[in-house]
N, C-alpha and C. Protein backbone atom coordinates (compact mmCIF):
# COMPACT_ATOMS: atom_id res chain seq x y z
N MET A 1 -26.06 -43.26 -40.59
CA MET A 1 -26.82 -43.22 -41.80
C MET A 1 -26.51 -42.04 -42.81
N LYS A 2 -26.16 -42.51 -43.94
CA LYS A 2 -25.64 -41.46 -44.87
C LYS A 2 -27.07 -40.81 -45.33
N LYS A 3 -26.76 -39.52 -45.68
CA LYS A 3 -27.87 -38.70 -46.34
C LYS A 3 -27.50 -38.19 -47.70
N ILE A 4 -28.22 -38.62 -48.79
CA ILE A 4 -27.74 -38.39 -50.09
C ILE A 4 -29.14 -37.62 -50.78
N ILE A 5 -28.60 -36.48 -51.52
CA ILE A 5 -29.55 -35.96 -52.33
C ILE A 5 -29.60 -36.63 -53.67
N VAL A 6 -30.84 -36.83 -54.12
CA VAL A 6 -30.80 -37.47 -55.46
C VAL A 6 -31.69 -36.75 -56.26
N ALA A 7 -31.23 -36.30 -57.60
CA ALA A 7 -32.04 -35.39 -58.47
C ALA A 7 -32.43 -36.19 -59.58
N ILE A 8 -33.58 -36.09 -60.12
CA ILE A 8 -33.88 -36.80 -61.57
C ILE A 8 -34.37 -35.57 -62.33
N THR A 9 -33.38 -35.35 -63.49
CA THR A 9 -33.78 -34.30 -64.41
C THR A 9 -34.13 -34.76 -65.63
N GLY A 10 -34.36 -33.93 -66.78
CA GLY A 10 -34.93 -34.35 -67.95
C GLY A 10 -34.15 -35.08 -68.96
N GLY A 11 -32.92 -35.57 -68.65
CA GLY A 11 -32.15 -36.31 -69.54
C GLY A 11 -32.91 -37.72 -69.62
N SER A 12 -32.86 -38.37 -70.73
CA SER A 12 -33.49 -39.82 -70.91
C SER A 12 -32.62 -40.66 -69.93
N GLY A 13 -33.40 -41.53 -69.25
CA GLY A 13 -32.78 -42.57 -68.43
C GLY A 13 -33.36 -42.23 -66.79
N ALA A 14 -34.56 -41.90 -66.78
CA ALA A 14 -35.16 -41.67 -65.62
C ALA A 14 -35.22 -42.93 -64.63
N ILE A 15 -34.98 -44.04 -65.18
CA ILE A 15 -34.90 -45.25 -64.43
C ILE A 15 -33.59 -45.39 -63.64
N TYR A 16 -32.60 -44.64 -64.21
CA TYR A 16 -31.36 -44.60 -63.33
C TYR A 16 -31.59 -43.88 -61.94
N GLY A 17 -32.37 -42.85 -62.06
CA GLY A 17 -32.49 -42.03 -60.72
C GLY A 17 -33.51 -42.87 -59.86
N ILE A 18 -34.41 -43.47 -60.31
CA ILE A 18 -35.50 -44.28 -59.66
C ILE A 18 -34.65 -45.44 -58.93
N ARG A 19 -33.80 -46.23 -59.66
CA ARG A 19 -33.08 -47.15 -59.12
C ARG A 19 -32.11 -46.80 -58.05
N THR A 20 -31.64 -45.64 -58.20
CA THR A 20 -30.62 -44.95 -57.32
C THR A 20 -31.35 -44.73 -56.01
N ILE A 21 -32.54 -44.31 -55.98
CA ILE A 21 -33.40 -43.97 -54.73
C ILE A 21 -33.61 -45.38 -54.21
N GLN A 22 -34.09 -46.32 -54.96
CA GLN A 22 -34.55 -47.64 -54.53
C GLN A 22 -33.44 -48.38 -53.69
N LEU A 23 -32.21 -48.44 -54.44
CA LEU A 23 -31.05 -49.20 -53.86
C LEU A 23 -30.46 -48.25 -52.74
N LEU A 24 -30.48 -47.14 -52.67
CA LEU A 24 -29.94 -46.40 -51.52
C LEU A 24 -30.97 -46.56 -50.32
N ASN A 25 -32.33 -46.71 -50.61
CA ASN A 25 -32.99 -47.11 -49.46
C ASN A 25 -32.74 -48.42 -49.02
N ASP A 26 -32.70 -49.38 -49.86
CA ASP A 26 -32.29 -50.76 -49.39
C ASP A 26 -30.91 -50.75 -48.52
N LEU A 27 -29.98 -49.85 -48.82
CA LEU A 27 -28.85 -49.88 -48.09
C LEU A 27 -28.64 -48.92 -46.87
N GLY A 28 -30.03 -48.49 -46.61
CA GLY A 28 -30.28 -47.73 -45.29
C GLY A 28 -30.07 -46.37 -45.29
N ALA A 29 -29.78 -45.60 -46.43
CA ALA A 29 -29.62 -44.19 -46.67
C ALA A 29 -30.77 -43.39 -46.39
N GLU A 30 -30.66 -42.14 -46.04
CA GLU A 30 -31.78 -41.30 -46.04
C GLU A 30 -31.62 -40.46 -47.33
N THR A 31 -32.76 -40.55 -48.09
CA THR A 31 -32.81 -40.03 -49.47
C THR A 31 -33.62 -38.67 -49.66
N HIS A 32 -32.94 -37.64 -50.17
CA HIS A 32 -33.66 -36.31 -50.37
C HIS A 32 -33.67 -36.05 -51.83
N VAL A 33 -34.98 -36.23 -52.11
CA VAL A 33 -35.20 -36.13 -53.66
C VAL A 33 -35.88 -35.03 -54.32
N ILE A 34 -35.42 -34.67 -55.46
CA ILE A 34 -35.93 -33.56 -56.31
C ILE A 34 -36.11 -34.11 -57.64
N ILE A 35 -37.13 -33.75 -58.27
CA ILE A 35 -37.57 -34.04 -59.61
C ILE A 35 -37.79 -32.89 -60.48
N SER A 36 -37.04 -32.51 -61.50
CA SER A 36 -37.40 -31.30 -62.41
C SER A 36 -38.76 -31.71 -63.10
N PRO A 37 -39.28 -30.71 -63.55
CA PRO A 37 -40.62 -30.90 -64.44
C PRO A 37 -40.38 -31.83 -65.69
N TRP A 38 -39.47 -31.78 -66.31
CA TRP A 38 -39.06 -32.65 -67.49
C TRP A 38 -38.58 -34.11 -66.82
N GLY A 39 -38.11 -34.07 -65.71
CA GLY A 39 -37.63 -35.31 -65.13
C GLY A 39 -38.94 -36.13 -64.86
N SER A 40 -40.02 -35.31 -64.28
CA SER A 40 -41.38 -35.94 -64.05
C SER A 40 -42.05 -36.58 -65.24
N ARG A 41 -41.81 -35.66 -66.23
CA ARG A 41 -42.49 -36.27 -67.76
C ARG A 41 -41.72 -37.46 -68.11
N ASN A 42 -40.54 -37.55 -67.93
CA ASN A 42 -39.87 -38.86 -68.46
C ASN A 42 -40.13 -39.97 -67.64
N ILE A 43 -40.25 -39.72 -66.40
CA ILE A 43 -40.80 -40.85 -65.45
C ILE A 43 -42.09 -41.43 -66.12
N GLU A 44 -42.82 -40.67 -66.46
CA GLU A 44 -44.16 -41.24 -67.01
C GLU A 44 -43.99 -41.71 -68.34
N LEU A 45 -43.15 -41.31 -69.07
CA LEU A 45 -42.84 -41.45 -70.60
C LEU A 45 -42.13 -42.85 -70.68
N GLU A 46 -41.06 -42.99 -69.75
CA GLU A 46 -40.03 -44.17 -69.92
C GLU A 46 -40.01 -45.29 -68.89
N THR A 47 -41.05 -45.04 -67.91
CA THR A 47 -40.93 -46.16 -66.83
C THR A 47 -42.38 -46.57 -66.49
N PRO A 48 -42.54 -47.79 -65.78
CA PRO A 48 -43.73 -48.12 -65.29
C PRO A 48 -44.19 -47.42 -64.13
N TYR A 49 -43.35 -46.56 -63.46
CA TYR A 49 -43.85 -45.88 -62.28
C TYR A 49 -44.44 -44.44 -62.58
N SER A 50 -45.29 -44.13 -61.62
CA SER A 50 -45.95 -42.75 -61.54
C SER A 50 -44.89 -41.88 -60.81
N VAL A 51 -45.07 -40.58 -61.13
CA VAL A 51 -44.16 -39.60 -60.31
C VAL A 51 -44.60 -39.54 -58.90
N LYS A 52 -45.93 -39.86 -58.54
CA LYS A 52 -46.34 -39.96 -57.23
C LYS A 52 -45.64 -41.15 -56.31
N GLU A 53 -45.53 -42.33 -57.04
CA GLU A 53 -44.75 -43.56 -56.66
C GLU A 53 -43.41 -43.06 -56.32
N VAL A 54 -42.70 -42.30 -57.22
CA VAL A 54 -41.23 -42.13 -57.15
C VAL A 54 -40.98 -41.18 -55.79
N LYS A 55 -41.97 -40.20 -55.73
CA LYS A 55 -41.89 -39.08 -54.68
C LYS A 55 -42.07 -39.94 -53.26
N GLU A 56 -42.92 -40.96 -53.30
CA GLU A 56 -43.16 -41.71 -52.11
C GLU A 56 -41.95 -42.58 -51.79
N MET A 57 -41.05 -42.86 -52.69
CA MET A 57 -39.92 -43.60 -52.31
C MET A 57 -38.95 -42.80 -51.44
N ALA A 58 -38.97 -41.56 -51.61
CA ALA A 58 -37.91 -40.56 -51.00
C ALA A 58 -38.19 -40.58 -49.41
N SER A 59 -37.11 -40.47 -48.64
CA SER A 59 -37.26 -39.95 -47.17
C SER A 59 -37.83 -38.78 -47.16
N VAL A 60 -37.41 -37.91 -47.89
CA VAL A 60 -37.94 -36.47 -47.96
C VAL A 60 -37.96 -36.16 -49.50
N TYR A 61 -39.01 -35.36 -49.75
CA TYR A 61 -39.03 -34.96 -51.38
C TYR A 61 -39.47 -33.45 -51.19
N TYR A 62 -38.68 -32.77 -52.11
CA TYR A 62 -38.79 -31.22 -52.27
C TYR A 62 -39.08 -31.03 -53.65
N PRO A 63 -40.14 -29.95 -53.96
CA PRO A 63 -40.49 -29.54 -55.17
C PRO A 63 -39.03 -28.75 -55.75
N SER A 64 -38.89 -28.79 -57.11
CA SER A 64 -37.65 -28.28 -57.77
C SER A 64 -37.79 -26.69 -57.65
N GLY A 65 -38.80 -26.16 -57.61
CA GLY A 65 -38.99 -24.54 -57.40
C GLY A 65 -38.81 -24.11 -56.07
N ASN A 66 -38.58 -25.01 -55.14
CA ASN A 66 -38.57 -24.56 -53.62
C ASN A 66 -36.99 -24.29 -53.08
N GLN A 67 -36.58 -23.04 -53.52
CA GLN A 67 -35.27 -22.71 -53.23
C GLN A 67 -35.04 -22.40 -51.69
N ALA A 68 -36.14 -22.49 -50.87
CA ALA A 68 -35.97 -22.27 -49.45
C ALA A 68 -35.83 -23.48 -48.69
N ALA A 69 -35.71 -24.61 -49.54
CA ALA A 69 -35.76 -26.04 -48.74
C ALA A 69 -34.37 -26.15 -48.13
N ALA A 70 -34.41 -26.94 -47.03
CA ALA A 70 -33.28 -27.12 -46.19
C ALA A 70 -31.89 -27.54 -47.00
N ILE A 71 -32.06 -28.22 -47.94
CA ILE A 71 -30.87 -28.57 -48.82
C ILE A 71 -30.33 -27.55 -49.72
N SER A 72 -30.92 -26.48 -49.65
CA SER A 72 -30.49 -25.31 -50.38
C SER A 72 -29.21 -24.54 -49.68
N SER A 73 -29.15 -25.01 -48.30
CA SER A 73 -28.18 -24.34 -47.52
C SER A 73 -27.10 -25.27 -47.20
N GLY A 74 -25.74 -24.44 -47.08
CA GLY A 74 -24.43 -25.37 -46.86
C GLY A 74 -24.60 -25.85 -45.37
N SER A 75 -25.42 -25.29 -44.62
CA SER A 75 -25.62 -25.77 -43.15
C SER A 75 -26.27 -27.03 -42.94
N PHE A 76 -27.01 -27.44 -44.19
CA PHE A 76 -27.82 -28.69 -43.97
C PHE A 76 -26.63 -29.94 -43.98
N LYS A 77 -26.61 -30.74 -43.20
CA LYS A 77 -25.72 -31.99 -43.12
C LYS A 77 -26.18 -33.04 -44.07
N VAL A 78 -25.25 -33.14 -45.07
CA VAL A 78 -25.49 -34.14 -46.16
C VAL A 78 -24.24 -34.76 -46.73
N ASP A 79 -24.30 -35.97 -47.14
CA ASP A 79 -22.98 -36.67 -47.42
C ASP A 79 -22.74 -36.44 -49.14
N GLY A 80 -23.63 -35.95 -49.85
CA GLY A 80 -23.46 -35.57 -51.09
C GLY A 80 -24.57 -35.68 -51.96
N MET A 81 -24.51 -35.68 -53.37
CA MET A 81 -25.64 -35.60 -54.20
C MET A 81 -25.31 -36.23 -55.46
N ILE A 82 -26.41 -36.94 -55.97
CA ILE A 82 -26.34 -37.72 -57.21
C ILE A 82 -27.39 -37.07 -58.22
N VAL A 83 -26.98 -36.51 -59.37
CA VAL A 83 -27.99 -36.14 -60.43
C VAL A 83 -28.08 -37.18 -61.46
N SER A 84 -29.27 -37.84 -61.53
CA SER A 84 -29.46 -39.36 -62.20
C SER A 84 -30.74 -39.26 -62.78
N PRO A 85 -30.90 -38.96 -64.05
CA PRO A 85 -29.76 -38.50 -65.11
C PRO A 85 -29.70 -37.10 -64.93
N CYS A 86 -28.62 -36.61 -65.49
CA CYS A 86 -28.19 -34.99 -65.63
C CYS A 86 -28.32 -34.94 -66.98
N SER A 87 -29.33 -33.85 -67.35
CA SER A 87 -29.49 -33.18 -68.70
C SER A 87 -28.29 -32.47 -69.00
N MET A 88 -28.38 -32.17 -70.29
CA MET A 88 -27.12 -31.19 -70.66
C MET A 88 -27.75 -29.82 -70.08
N LYS A 89 -29.09 -29.48 -69.94
CA LYS A 89 -29.39 -28.20 -69.45
C LYS A 89 -29.14 -27.93 -67.97
N THR A 90 -29.21 -29.17 -67.18
CA THR A 90 -28.93 -28.98 -65.79
C THR A 90 -27.47 -28.92 -65.60
N LEU A 91 -26.62 -29.55 -66.48
CA LEU A 91 -25.15 -29.51 -66.38
C LEU A 91 -24.66 -28.13 -66.75
N ALA A 92 -25.29 -27.50 -67.71
CA ALA A 92 -24.80 -26.04 -68.06
C ALA A 92 -25.11 -25.21 -66.85
N SER A 93 -26.31 -25.39 -66.26
CA SER A 93 -26.65 -24.48 -65.15
C SER A 93 -25.55 -24.80 -63.93
N ILE A 94 -25.34 -26.01 -63.63
CA ILE A 94 -24.23 -26.15 -62.60
C ILE A 94 -23.04 -25.67 -63.04
N ALA A 95 -22.59 -25.84 -64.22
CA ALA A 95 -21.16 -25.40 -64.64
C ALA A 95 -21.06 -23.97 -64.62
N ASN A 96 -22.14 -23.19 -64.69
CA ASN A 96 -22.17 -21.68 -64.77
C ASN A 96 -22.76 -21.21 -63.56
N GLY A 97 -23.03 -21.90 -62.55
CA GLY A 97 -23.18 -21.46 -61.20
C GLY A 97 -24.64 -20.63 -61.24
N LEU A 98 -25.58 -21.02 -62.11
CA LEU A 98 -26.68 -20.17 -62.22
C LEU A 98 -27.76 -20.36 -60.97
N ALA A 99 -27.79 -21.56 -60.27
CA ALA A 99 -28.68 -21.88 -59.15
C ALA A 99 -30.02 -21.46 -59.34
N SER A 100 -30.53 -21.86 -60.63
CA SER A 100 -31.96 -21.34 -61.12
C SER A 100 -33.01 -22.03 -60.65
N ASP A 101 -32.65 -23.33 -60.05
CA ASP A 101 -33.87 -23.97 -59.39
C ASP A 101 -33.09 -24.83 -58.07
N LEU A 102 -33.85 -25.55 -57.47
CA LEU A 102 -33.56 -26.28 -56.23
C LEU A 102 -32.34 -27.39 -56.61
N ILE A 103 -32.43 -27.93 -57.86
CA ILE A 103 -31.37 -28.94 -58.28
C ILE A 103 -30.01 -28.22 -58.46
N SER A 104 -30.04 -27.34 -59.27
CA SER A 104 -28.64 -26.57 -59.56
C SER A 104 -28.26 -25.86 -58.27
N ARG A 105 -29.18 -25.24 -57.53
CA ARG A 105 -28.78 -24.73 -56.18
C ARG A 105 -28.00 -25.78 -55.27
N SER A 106 -28.63 -26.86 -55.12
CA SER A 106 -28.26 -27.87 -54.40
C SER A 106 -26.77 -28.29 -54.71
N ALA A 107 -26.67 -28.54 -56.07
CA ALA A 107 -25.36 -28.92 -56.60
C ALA A 107 -24.36 -27.87 -56.36
N ASP A 108 -24.76 -26.71 -56.60
CA ASP A 108 -23.88 -25.52 -56.25
C ASP A 108 -23.26 -25.59 -54.94
N VAL A 109 -24.26 -25.90 -53.80
CA VAL A 109 -23.91 -25.83 -52.40
C VAL A 109 -22.88 -27.18 -52.39
N MET A 110 -23.15 -28.12 -52.94
CA MET A 110 -22.05 -29.34 -52.88
C MET A 110 -20.70 -28.86 -53.15
N LEU A 111 -20.64 -28.24 -54.37
CA LEU A 111 -19.40 -27.63 -54.90
C LEU A 111 -18.79 -26.72 -53.80
N LYS A 112 -19.47 -25.89 -53.25
CA LYS A 112 -18.85 -24.70 -52.46
C LYS A 112 -18.50 -25.31 -51.14
N GLU A 113 -19.25 -26.52 -50.63
CA GLU A 113 -18.81 -26.95 -49.39
C GLU A 113 -17.91 -28.20 -49.60
N GLN A 114 -17.45 -28.52 -50.97
CA GLN A 114 -16.53 -29.50 -51.18
C GLN A 114 -16.93 -30.85 -50.84
N LYS A 115 -18.43 -31.07 -51.11
CA LYS A 115 -18.90 -32.50 -50.75
C LYS A 115 -19.02 -33.23 -52.13
N LYS A 116 -19.34 -34.38 -52.25
CA LYS A 116 -19.54 -35.13 -53.32
C LYS A 116 -20.56 -34.98 -54.09
N LEU A 117 -20.24 -34.74 -55.53
CA LEU A 117 -21.26 -34.43 -56.52
C LEU A 117 -21.12 -35.14 -57.76
N ILE A 118 -22.08 -36.31 -58.11
CA ILE A 118 -21.88 -37.20 -59.06
C ILE A 118 -23.07 -36.77 -60.04
N LEU A 119 -22.61 -36.52 -61.27
CA LEU A 119 -23.56 -36.19 -62.54
C LEU A 119 -23.47 -37.36 -63.51
N LEU A 120 -24.67 -38.01 -63.52
CA LEU A 120 -24.88 -39.04 -64.47
C LEU A 120 -25.35 -38.46 -65.84
N THR A 121 -24.55 -37.88 -66.61
CA THR A 121 -24.74 -37.15 -67.82
C THR A 121 -25.31 -37.98 -68.87
N ARG A 122 -26.31 -37.51 -69.51
CA ARG A 122 -26.93 -38.38 -70.60
C ARG A 122 -27.17 -37.58 -71.87
N GLU A 123 -26.27 -37.79 -72.82
CA GLU A 123 -26.29 -37.19 -74.09
C GLU A 123 -25.25 -38.02 -74.95
N THR A 124 -25.52 -38.02 -76.27
CA THR A 124 -24.49 -38.62 -77.28
C THR A 124 -25.15 -38.08 -78.67
N PRO A 125 -24.37 -37.75 -79.63
CA PRO A 125 -22.81 -37.46 -79.31
C PRO A 125 -22.79 -36.18 -78.65
N LEU A 126 -21.58 -35.74 -78.14
CA LEU A 126 -21.28 -34.46 -77.30
C LEU A 126 -20.76 -33.38 -78.24
N ASN A 127 -21.26 -32.33 -78.08
CA ASN A 127 -20.73 -31.07 -78.78
C ASN A 127 -19.74 -30.42 -77.94
N LEU A 128 -19.04 -29.37 -78.36
CA LEU A 128 -18.11 -28.75 -77.62
C LEU A 128 -18.53 -28.03 -76.40
N ILE A 129 -19.71 -27.52 -76.42
CA ILE A 129 -20.30 -26.78 -75.33
C ILE A 129 -20.50 -27.91 -74.17
N HIS A 130 -21.05 -29.14 -74.41
CA HIS A 130 -21.23 -30.05 -73.42
C HIS A 130 -19.93 -30.42 -72.80
N ILE A 131 -18.72 -30.53 -73.63
CA ILE A 131 -17.68 -31.02 -73.07
C ILE A 131 -16.86 -29.86 -72.23
N LYS A 132 -17.06 -28.61 -72.70
CA LYS A 132 -16.62 -27.60 -71.85
C LYS A 132 -17.33 -27.35 -70.52
N ASN A 133 -18.70 -27.62 -70.48
CA ASN A 133 -19.40 -27.70 -69.23
C ASN A 133 -18.94 -28.81 -68.35
N MET A 134 -18.62 -30.06 -68.95
CA MET A 134 -18.02 -31.13 -68.11
C MET A 134 -16.87 -30.74 -67.67
N GLU A 135 -15.86 -30.20 -68.39
CA GLU A 135 -14.57 -29.64 -67.80
C GLU A 135 -14.86 -28.78 -66.71
N ALA A 136 -15.71 -27.78 -66.78
CA ALA A 136 -15.97 -27.01 -65.62
C ALA A 136 -16.42 -27.36 -64.46
N VAL A 137 -17.26 -28.33 -64.51
CA VAL A 137 -17.72 -28.99 -63.36
C VAL A 137 -16.60 -29.83 -62.48
N VAL A 138 -16.10 -30.60 -63.56
CA VAL A 138 -14.84 -31.45 -63.02
C VAL A 138 -13.79 -30.69 -62.38
N SER A 139 -13.45 -29.43 -62.95
CA SER A 139 -12.48 -28.54 -62.38
C SER A 139 -13.06 -28.03 -60.97
N ALA A 140 -14.25 -27.79 -60.92
CA ALA A 140 -14.86 -27.38 -59.67
C ALA A 140 -15.03 -28.49 -58.53
N GLY A 141 -14.89 -29.70 -58.89
CA GLY A 141 -14.83 -30.74 -57.84
C GLY A 141 -15.95 -31.72 -58.07
N ALA A 142 -16.65 -31.77 -59.16
CA ALA A 142 -17.70 -32.72 -59.42
C ALA A 142 -17.12 -33.96 -60.19
N MET A 143 -17.99 -35.01 -60.15
CA MET A 143 -17.52 -36.10 -60.92
C MET A 143 -18.67 -36.48 -62.06
N VAL A 144 -18.19 -36.42 -63.32
CA VAL A 144 -18.93 -36.75 -64.40
C VAL A 144 -19.00 -38.38 -64.60
N PHE A 145 -20.18 -38.71 -64.49
CA PHE A 145 -20.33 -40.28 -64.67
C PHE A 145 -21.26 -40.55 -65.53
N PRO A 146 -20.93 -40.74 -66.76
CA PRO A 146 -21.96 -41.21 -67.87
C PRO A 146 -22.31 -42.76 -67.63
N PRO A 147 -23.45 -43.06 -67.89
CA PRO A 147 -23.99 -44.37 -67.74
C PRO A 147 -23.51 -45.42 -68.73
N VAL A 148 -22.07 -45.43 -68.85
CA VAL A 148 -21.62 -46.34 -69.89
C VAL A 148 -21.59 -47.79 -69.49
N PRO A 149 -22.20 -48.78 -70.09
CA PRO A 149 -22.44 -50.17 -69.43
C PRO A 149 -21.04 -50.86 -69.67
N ALA A 150 -20.77 -51.76 -68.59
CA ALA A 150 -19.84 -52.69 -68.64
C ALA A 150 -20.24 -54.11 -69.04
N PHE A 151 -19.28 -54.82 -69.70
CA PHE A 151 -19.87 -56.01 -70.26
C PHE A 151 -18.91 -57.14 -69.65
N TYR A 152 -17.92 -56.86 -68.97
CA TYR A 152 -17.12 -58.10 -68.25
C TYR A 152 -17.98 -58.65 -67.24
N ASN A 153 -19.11 -57.83 -66.74
CA ASN A 153 -19.89 -58.66 -65.85
C ASN A 153 -21.01 -59.44 -66.49
N GLN A 154 -21.08 -59.47 -67.63
CA GLN A 154 -21.94 -60.29 -68.51
C GLN A 154 -23.42 -60.15 -68.26
N PRO A 155 -23.66 -58.87 -68.46
CA PRO A 155 -25.26 -58.60 -68.06
C PRO A 155 -26.31 -59.46 -68.85
N LYS A 156 -27.30 -59.96 -68.27
CA LYS A 156 -28.31 -60.74 -69.11
C LYS A 156 -29.63 -59.85 -69.28
N THR A 157 -29.90 -58.87 -68.32
CA THR A 157 -31.21 -57.98 -68.51
C THR A 157 -30.45 -56.45 -68.44
N LEU A 158 -31.53 -55.64 -68.93
CA LEU A 158 -31.33 -54.18 -68.73
C LEU A 158 -31.24 -53.95 -67.24
N ASP A 159 -32.02 -54.57 -66.39
CA ASP A 159 -31.74 -54.32 -64.99
C ASP A 159 -30.37 -54.59 -64.41
N ASP A 160 -29.68 -55.66 -65.04
CA ASP A 160 -28.25 -55.89 -64.84
C ASP A 160 -27.47 -54.65 -65.03
N VAL A 161 -27.82 -54.02 -66.26
CA VAL A 161 -26.87 -53.04 -66.67
C VAL A 161 -27.14 -51.83 -65.77
N ILE A 162 -28.23 -51.47 -65.52
CA ILE A 162 -28.74 -50.36 -64.57
C ILE A 162 -28.15 -50.55 -63.31
N HIS A 163 -28.30 -51.64 -62.71
CA HIS A 163 -27.69 -51.97 -61.27
C HIS A 163 -26.21 -51.73 -61.09
N HIS A 164 -25.53 -52.21 -62.29
CA HIS A 164 -24.26 -52.27 -62.25
C HIS A 164 -23.73 -50.75 -62.18
N THR A 165 -24.11 -49.89 -62.97
CA THR A 165 -23.95 -48.58 -63.13
C THR A 165 -24.27 -47.83 -61.90
N VAL A 166 -25.37 -48.07 -61.17
CA VAL A 166 -25.82 -47.52 -59.95
C VAL A 166 -24.98 -47.95 -58.83
N GLY A 167 -24.58 -49.10 -58.73
CA GLY A 167 -23.75 -49.78 -57.85
C GLY A 167 -22.26 -49.23 -57.95
N ARG A 168 -21.83 -48.76 -59.11
CA ARG A 168 -20.70 -48.17 -59.17
C ARG A 168 -20.57 -46.80 -58.90
N MET A 169 -21.73 -46.14 -58.92
CA MET A 169 -21.84 -44.66 -58.29
C MET A 169 -21.82 -44.81 -56.89
N LEU A 170 -22.58 -45.74 -56.29
CA LEU A 170 -22.64 -45.83 -54.84
C LEU A 170 -21.42 -46.35 -54.24
N ASP A 171 -20.34 -46.84 -55.01
CA ASP A 171 -18.99 -47.17 -54.59
C ASP A 171 -18.37 -45.71 -54.12
N GLN A 172 -18.79 -44.68 -54.84
CA GLN A 172 -18.14 -43.36 -54.43
C GLN A 172 -18.46 -42.88 -53.16
N PHE A 173 -19.61 -43.35 -52.55
CA PHE A 173 -19.84 -43.09 -51.25
C PHE A 173 -19.58 -44.06 -50.11
N GLY A 174 -18.69 -45.02 -50.51
CA GLY A 174 -18.18 -45.97 -49.53
C GLY A 174 -19.10 -47.34 -49.31
N TYR A 175 -20.00 -47.35 -50.34
CA TYR A 175 -20.73 -48.62 -50.32
C TYR A 175 -20.00 -49.60 -51.03
N ASP A 176 -20.41 -50.91 -50.86
CA ASP A 176 -19.91 -51.98 -51.51
C ASP A 176 -20.97 -52.92 -51.82
N PRO A 177 -21.79 -52.54 -52.91
CA PRO A 177 -23.05 -53.25 -52.97
C PRO A 177 -22.69 -54.82 -53.46
N GLU A 178 -23.32 -55.54 -52.94
CA GLU A 178 -23.24 -57.05 -53.33
C GLU A 178 -23.63 -57.38 -54.70
N TRP A 179 -24.49 -56.64 -55.38
CA TRP A 179 -24.94 -56.82 -56.73
C TRP A 179 -23.88 -56.53 -57.86
N VAL A 180 -22.80 -55.85 -57.36
CA VAL A 180 -21.81 -55.23 -58.29
C VAL A 180 -20.77 -56.40 -58.60
N LYS A 181 -20.80 -56.96 -59.83
CA LYS A 181 -19.75 -57.97 -60.12
C LYS A 181 -18.42 -57.16 -60.46
N ARG A 182 -17.38 -57.49 -59.78
CA ARG A 182 -16.27 -56.74 -59.95
C ARG A 182 -15.13 -57.50 -60.81
N TRP A 183 -14.33 -56.86 -61.58
CA TRP A 183 -13.32 -57.27 -62.42
C TRP A 183 -12.24 -58.14 -61.55
N GLY A 184 -12.06 -59.27 -61.90
CA GLY A 184 -10.89 -60.01 -61.17
C GLY A 184 -11.26 -60.71 -59.83
N LYS A 185 -12.63 -60.45 -59.53
CA LYS A 185 -13.13 -61.06 -58.28
C LYS A 185 -13.96 -62.36 -58.62
N ASP A 186 -14.92 -62.21 -59.48
CA ASP A 186 -15.79 -63.24 -59.69
C ASP A 186 -15.44 -64.42 -60.73
N SER A 187 -15.98 -65.51 -60.57
CA SER A 187 -15.43 -66.64 -61.29
C SER A 187 -15.69 -66.56 -62.78
N HIS A 188 -16.74 -65.79 -63.21
CA HIS A 188 -16.90 -65.68 -64.72
C HIS A 188 -15.74 -64.74 -65.26
N ASN A 189 -15.12 -63.81 -64.31
CA ASN A 189 -13.85 -63.25 -64.85
C ASN A 189 -12.72 -63.97 -65.32
N GLN A 190 -12.53 -65.14 -64.45
CA GLN A 190 -11.55 -66.08 -64.51
C GLN A 190 -11.70 -67.01 -65.72
N HIS A 191 -13.01 -67.22 -66.15
CA HIS A 191 -13.30 -67.99 -67.40
C HIS A 191 -13.06 -66.91 -68.59
N LEU A 192 -13.33 -65.75 -68.50
CA LEU A 192 -13.01 -64.69 -69.51
C LEU A 192 -11.55 -64.50 -69.71
N ARG A 193 -10.76 -64.58 -68.69
CA ARG A 193 -9.28 -64.46 -68.87
C ARG A 193 -8.81 -65.67 -69.59
N LYS A 194 -9.37 -66.89 -69.21
CA LYS A 194 -9.01 -68.09 -69.92
C LYS A 194 -9.17 -68.15 -71.44
N LEU A 195 -10.31 -67.58 -71.90
CA LEU A 195 -10.74 -67.42 -73.31
C LEU A 195 -9.67 -66.41 -73.98
N THR A 196 -9.53 -65.37 -73.25
CA THR A 196 -8.68 -64.34 -73.98
C THR A 196 -7.22 -64.77 -74.03
N SER A 197 -6.79 -65.52 -73.11
CA SER A 197 -5.30 -66.06 -73.14
C SER A 197 -5.17 -67.17 -74.15
N THR A 198 -6.03 -67.74 -74.59
CA THR A 198 -6.00 -68.92 -75.66
C THR A 198 -6.40 -68.43 -76.93
N GLY A 199 -6.49 -67.06 -77.19
CA GLY A 199 -6.93 -66.44 -78.43
C GLY A 199 -8.21 -66.79 -78.94
N PRO A 200 -8.52 -66.37 -80.26
CA PRO A 200 -9.89 -66.51 -80.60
C PRO A 200 -10.36 -67.89 -80.69
N GLN A 201 -11.67 -68.15 -80.31
CA GLN A 201 -12.33 -69.41 -80.48
C GLN A 201 -13.02 -69.65 -81.82
N ARG A 202 -12.61 -70.75 -82.50
CA ARG A 202 -13.34 -70.98 -83.98
C ARG A 202 -14.12 -72.27 -83.77
């Protein structure tokens, strides 16, 4: 059983973190969840879920101010961490090693232990500070994973878009989610190649 830390911060897109927890649970993972104060606020503002409901989805939940939590130590056995969504404030804290709360401390542990750290960064447009912070975390071993939607999978609903992004993140942990429609594998892609090979349709 994989153990994965999931943090929800104040970037818009709290539903990405919620779906990450739900789908990891469906895949049999053990989820260790942290929610920042603004992550909690966005859950209430953006989704039909309460913060209490999201906390109850977790195998283990930790308050973001609890720096004595097990996951703040490199001795805790875990397969990696996903920050979904990752605000620019959290990105800056990780990039500069501040370890100012349990989220940035746990991310710092992932980097020092050379374990997988995925940051679902949410902001647009990006300023140079954002870009330099992204460069810093990538240089340190993290993966910056903005939730850029794919269209080759022909999404029909917002959930299709969210599930595809979360599924592609979970690919990084060795999962092969059945709901991810992959380029070149599914029949709709063969239809798409036929259209593009015959030129514009009028």
